Protein backbone atom coordinates (compact mmCIF):
# COMPACT_ATOMS: atom_id res chain seq x y z
CA MET A 1 101.29 132.12 65.68
CA LYS A 2 99.57 131.25 62.32
CA LYS A 3 97.15 129.80 64.70
CA THR A 4 96.71 132.98 66.66
CA TYR A 5 96.32 134.93 62.98
CA ILE A 6 93.37 131.87 62.25
CA VAL A 7 91.44 132.38 65.10
CA LEU A 8 91.31 136.70 65.22
CA SER A 9 90.14 136.18 61.45
CA ILE A 10 87.52 133.58 62.63
CA TYR A 11 86.52 136.53 65.44
CA MET A 12 86.33 138.90 62.80
CA ILE A 13 84.36 137.34 60.29
CA ILE A 14 81.55 136.36 63.42
CA MET A 15 81.75 140.09 63.89
CA ALA A 16 81.00 141.00 60.08
CA ILE A 17 78.41 138.34 59.70
CA GLY A 18 76.77 140.00 63.10
CA LEU A 19 77.37 143.57 61.52
CA PHE A 20 75.74 142.54 58.06
CA VAL A 21 72.54 140.97 59.47
CA CYS A 22 71.52 143.54 62.15
CA LYS A 23 71.90 146.15 59.31
CA GLU A 24 70.79 144.36 56.55
CA PHE A 25 68.03 141.84 58.10
CA MET A 26 67.25 143.45 61.19
CA GLY A 27 67.15 147.11 59.59
CA VAL A 28 69.07 148.10 62.96
CA PRO A 29 72.33 149.85 61.98
CA TYR A 30 75.72 150.32 64.15
CA ASP A 31 74.18 153.61 65.22
CA ALA A 32 70.66 152.85 66.29
CA PRO A 33 69.58 152.95 69.98
CA ASN A 34 68.48 149.59 70.01
CA PHE A 35 72.00 147.98 68.42
CA SER A 36 73.26 146.53 71.61
CA GLU A 37 69.98 144.70 72.08
CA LYS A 38 70.05 143.29 68.66
CA PHE A 39 73.95 142.55 68.31
CA LEU A 40 74.07 140.77 71.58
CA PRO A 41 73.89 137.18 70.60
CA PHE A 42 77.09 138.09 68.55
CA MET A 43 78.32 139.47 71.37
CA PHE A 44 78.16 136.72 73.50
CA LEU A 45 79.21 134.18 70.74
CA LEU A 46 82.42 136.47 70.21
CA ALA A 47 82.80 136.37 74.27
CA VAL A 48 82.39 132.55 74.58
CA PHE A 49 84.72 132.13 71.87
CA SER A 50 88.07 134.06 72.92
CA VAL A 51 87.41 132.81 76.29
CA LEU A 52 87.36 128.96 75.50
CA TYR A 53 90.22 129.08 72.89
CA GLU A 54 92.24 131.14 75.51
CA MET A 55 91.21 128.00 78.31
CA ARG A 56 92.36 125.72 75.46
CA ASN A 57 95.62 127.45 74.68
CA ARG A 58 96.81 129.49 78.07
CA ASN A 59 100.13 127.89 78.12
CA GLU A 60 101.17 129.21 74.77
CA ILE A 61 99.63 132.74 74.87
CA ILE A 62 100.42 133.56 78.91
CA LEU A 63 102.79 136.50 79.49
CA GLN A 64 106.20 135.02 80.83
CA THR A 65 108.70 137.29 82.79
CA GLY A 66 110.35 137.57 86.24
CA ASN A 67 109.16 140.95 86.32
CA GLU A 68 106.94 142.01 89.15
CA PRO A 69 103.83 143.46 87.84
CA ARG A 70 103.48 147.61 88.41
CA TYR A 71 100.26 149.44 88.86
CA ILE A 72 100.93 152.78 89.42
CA PHE A 73 101.03 154.11 85.69
CA SER A 74 97.78 152.29 84.66
CA SER A 75 95.96 153.01 88.23
CA VAL A 76 96.11 157.01 87.02
CA LEU A 77 93.46 156.86 84.84
CA PHE A 78 91.95 153.38 85.67
CA ILE A 79 90.70 154.47 88.79
CA PRO A 80 88.85 157.58 87.77
CA VAL A 81 87.49 155.64 84.67
CA VAL A 82 86.23 152.63 86.26
CA GLY A 83 84.78 155.26 89.29
CA PHE A 84 82.40 156.89 87.23
CA GLY A 85 81.76 153.99 84.92
CA ILE A 86 80.37 152.63 88.33
CA PHE A 87 78.79 156.32 89.11
CA SER A 88 76.94 156.42 85.77
CA VAL A 89 75.81 152.59 86.30
CA VAL A 90 74.19 153.41 90.06
CA LYS A 91 72.95 157.15 88.59
CA GLY A 92 71.10 155.45 85.36
CA PHE A 93 69.61 152.49 87.09
CA ASN A 94 66.18 151.69 86.13
CA ALA A 95 64.06 148.81 85.88
CA GLU A 96 63.93 148.53 82.09
CA LEU A 97 65.30 145.32 80.24
CA GLY A 98 67.69 148.28 77.70
CA PHE A 99 69.60 149.00 81.02
CA PHE A 100 70.27 145.20 81.86
CA ILE A 101 71.05 144.77 77.74
CA LEU A 102 73.74 147.42 77.79
CA ILE A 103 75.50 146.27 80.99
CA VAL A 104 75.60 142.77 79.99
CA ASP A 105 76.59 144.33 76.29
CA THR A 106 79.69 146.85 77.74
CA ILE A 107 81.02 143.30 80.19
CA LEU A 108 81.00 140.89 76.97
CA ILE A 109 82.72 143.72 74.64
CA GLY A 110 85.57 144.00 77.17
CA ILE A 111 85.86 140.20 78.00
CA ALA A 112 85.79 139.15 74.00
CA GLU A 113 88.18 141.87 72.69
CA GLU A 114 90.44 142.14 75.75
CA ILE A 115 91.06 138.02 75.83
CA MET A 116 91.38 137.90 72.02
CA TYR A 117 93.47 141.19 70.94
CA ARG A 118 95.34 141.34 74.46
CA ARG A 119 95.40 138.42 76.17
CA ILE A 120 95.73 136.19 72.79
CA LEU A 121 96.90 138.41 70.31
CA LEU A 122 99.48 140.64 72.21
CA GLY A 123 100.43 137.52 74.60
CA SER A 124 101.47 135.42 71.18
CA LEU A 125 103.20 137.93 69.73
CA ALA A 126 105.51 138.77 72.76
CA ARG A 127 106.75 135.78 72.64
CA LYS A 128 107.94 136.05 69.30
CA ILE A 129 109.07 139.83 69.14
CA HIS A 130 109.83 142.80 71.14
CA PRO A 131 106.60 143.67 73.59
CA VAL A 132 106.85 146.97 72.11
CA TYR A 133 106.78 145.93 68.44
CA ALA A 134 104.17 143.39 69.92
CA LEU A 135 102.30 146.38 71.42
CA LEU A 136 102.29 148.42 68.46
CA LEU A 137 101.01 145.63 65.77
CA SER A 138 98.19 144.33 68.36
CA SER A 139 96.82 147.82 68.48
CA VAL A 140 96.92 148.23 64.94
CA LEU A 141 95.04 144.84 64.27
CA PHE A 142 92.64 146.13 67.03
CA CYS A 143 92.32 148.93 65.60
CA LEU A 144 91.58 147.83 62.09
CA LEU A 145 88.77 146.00 63.80
CA HIS A 146 86.61 148.91 63.71
CA LEU A 147 86.43 148.79 59.74
CA LEU A 148 84.06 146.59 60.29
CA ASN A 149 81.64 149.08 61.55
CA LEU A 150 81.29 150.01 57.81
CA LEU A 151 79.30 147.38 57.43
CA GLY A 152 76.71 148.81 59.69
CA GLY A 153 76.20 151.53 58.71
CA LEU A 154 78.46 154.07 59.55
CA SER A 155 80.31 156.26 57.27
CA LEU A 156 83.78 156.13 56.30
CA SER A 157 84.66 159.58 57.98
CA GLU A 158 83.03 158.17 61.35
CA VAL A 159 84.95 154.95 61.12
CA ILE A 160 88.44 156.95 60.32
CA ASN A 161 87.48 159.10 63.47
CA GLN A 162 87.32 155.51 65.37
CA LEU A 163 90.38 154.25 64.18
CA GLY A 164 92.18 156.86 65.58
CA SER A 165 90.49 156.69 69.17
CA THR A 166 90.67 153.03 69.13
CA PHE A 167 94.30 152.63 67.98
CA VAL A 168 95.26 155.08 71.31
CA MET A 169 92.82 152.82 73.25
CA GLY A 170 94.25 149.63 71.90
CA MET A 171 98.12 150.93 72.83
CA PHE A 172 96.77 152.14 76.58
CA LEU A 173 95.04 148.59 77.30
CA GLY A 174 97.98 146.57 75.74
CA ALA A 175 100.64 148.68 77.73
CA MET A 176 98.57 147.93 80.78
CA TYR A 177 98.31 144.47 80.23
CA LEU A 178 102.22 144.62 79.74
CA ASP A 179 102.78 146.46 83.13
CA THR A 180 100.38 144.85 85.26
CA LYS A 181 100.37 141.38 83.67
CA LYS A 182 96.29 140.85 84.57
CA ILE A 183 94.35 141.05 81.95
CA ILE A 184 91.23 141.87 84.12
CA PHE A 185 92.32 145.27 84.38
CA PRO A 186 91.99 145.83 80.77
CA ILE A 187 88.71 144.21 80.70
CA ILE A 188 87.33 146.27 83.52
CA PHE A 189 88.42 149.38 82.08
CA HIS A 190 87.17 149.02 78.52
CA SER A 191 83.69 147.79 80.18
CA ALA A 192 83.40 150.70 82.15
CA TRP A 193 84.76 153.31 79.14
CA ASP A 194 81.89 151.50 76.61
CA TYR A 195 79.13 151.78 79.26
CA ILE A 196 79.85 155.47 79.83
CA LEU A 197 80.30 156.28 75.79
CA LEU A 198 76.98 154.03 75.22
CA SER A 199 75.17 155.29 77.43
CA ASP A 200 75.76 158.86 76.94
CA SER A 201 76.69 159.87 80.81
CA LEU A 202 78.95 162.21 79.39
CA SER A 203 76.53 164.17 77.80
CA GLU A 204 75.16 166.61 80.67
CA ILE A 205 79.18 167.43 80.96
CA SER A 206 79.34 170.87 79.06
CA PHE A 207 82.82 170.43 78.43
CA MET A 208 82.42 167.02 77.31
CA PRO A 209 84.71 167.53 74.44
CA ILE A 210 87.80 168.70 76.28
CA LEU A 211 87.43 165.35 79.05
CA LEU A 212 87.35 163.18 75.97
CA ILE A 213 90.28 164.33 74.80
CA GLY A 214 91.78 164.63 78.08
CA VAL A 215 91.13 160.93 78.41
CA TYR A 216 92.96 160.19 75.21
CA ALA A 217 95.75 162.39 75.96
CA LEU A 218 96.53 160.68 79.29
CA GLU A 219 96.08 157.36 77.37
CA PHE A 220 98.51 158.45 75.41
CA ILE A 221 101.38 159.59 77.80
CA ILE A 222 100.77 156.61 80.03
CA THR A 223 101.92 154.09 77.20
CA ILE A 224 104.56 155.90 76.73
CA LEU A 225 105.44 156.00 80.07
CA ILE A 226 105.04 152.44 80.03
CA ILE A 227 107.04 151.60 76.91
CA ILE A 228 110.14 153.92 77.89
CA LYS A 229 110.17 151.73 81.31
CA MET A 230 109.63 148.37 78.90
CA ILE A 231 112.97 149.98 76.93
CA ARG A 232 115.17 150.42 80.01
CA ASN A 233 114.36 147.36 81.75
CA LYS A 234 115.92 144.75 80.05
CA GLY A 235 113.64 141.81 81.92
CA TYR A 236 110.72 143.27 79.45
CA ASN A 237 112.90 141.94 76.23
CA SER A 238 111.28 138.43 76.56
CA TYR A 239 107.65 137.55 77.99
């Protein structure tokens, strides 16, 4: 686990440097329209760093269980969110560079954060402690990652709001990974959801606040159902 915490620390340092450089040297804060473009080199570095570490240490982090993968609970939210994400890409298609940069950026975010926080961190923790505790700890660390957005110029109140939503999201994505045993599903979901938010695809929906609350509520409910299943199923006690 010591090696896992070291690589997680390096990941966070790279993230912090990127946010600081963008804001202080490029004059582009986290909430600027062109932030994705300026932060893209750092996002690429984070994705490559996570993937290379995962490839070299796969045997130490892969989930070990005799249980068959399950998809029913995760698909309840996965299918509509990914479907709407694809619809948003098609609807918003244009030949401008910013359109393609946003797609690449959200894909890299999904790869970097899911490989690091679900595949590597959650996978390592689930080998040492009960998967439910591993899920909770990895989700807390995932949500704390977003404290670094203070370096990007977000206010404390904005970051606090992020912490709540990212904790729920982290729990859901981790539960999805434990349930399906496939990291590709959290990656696709995370990328699609980030594209929906960053492209402002929900702006035309009059009941957007209610929709967002509904998504987070459904994430919470699905996570609880998966956790209950893990507790009841003795096969989940060891990964």
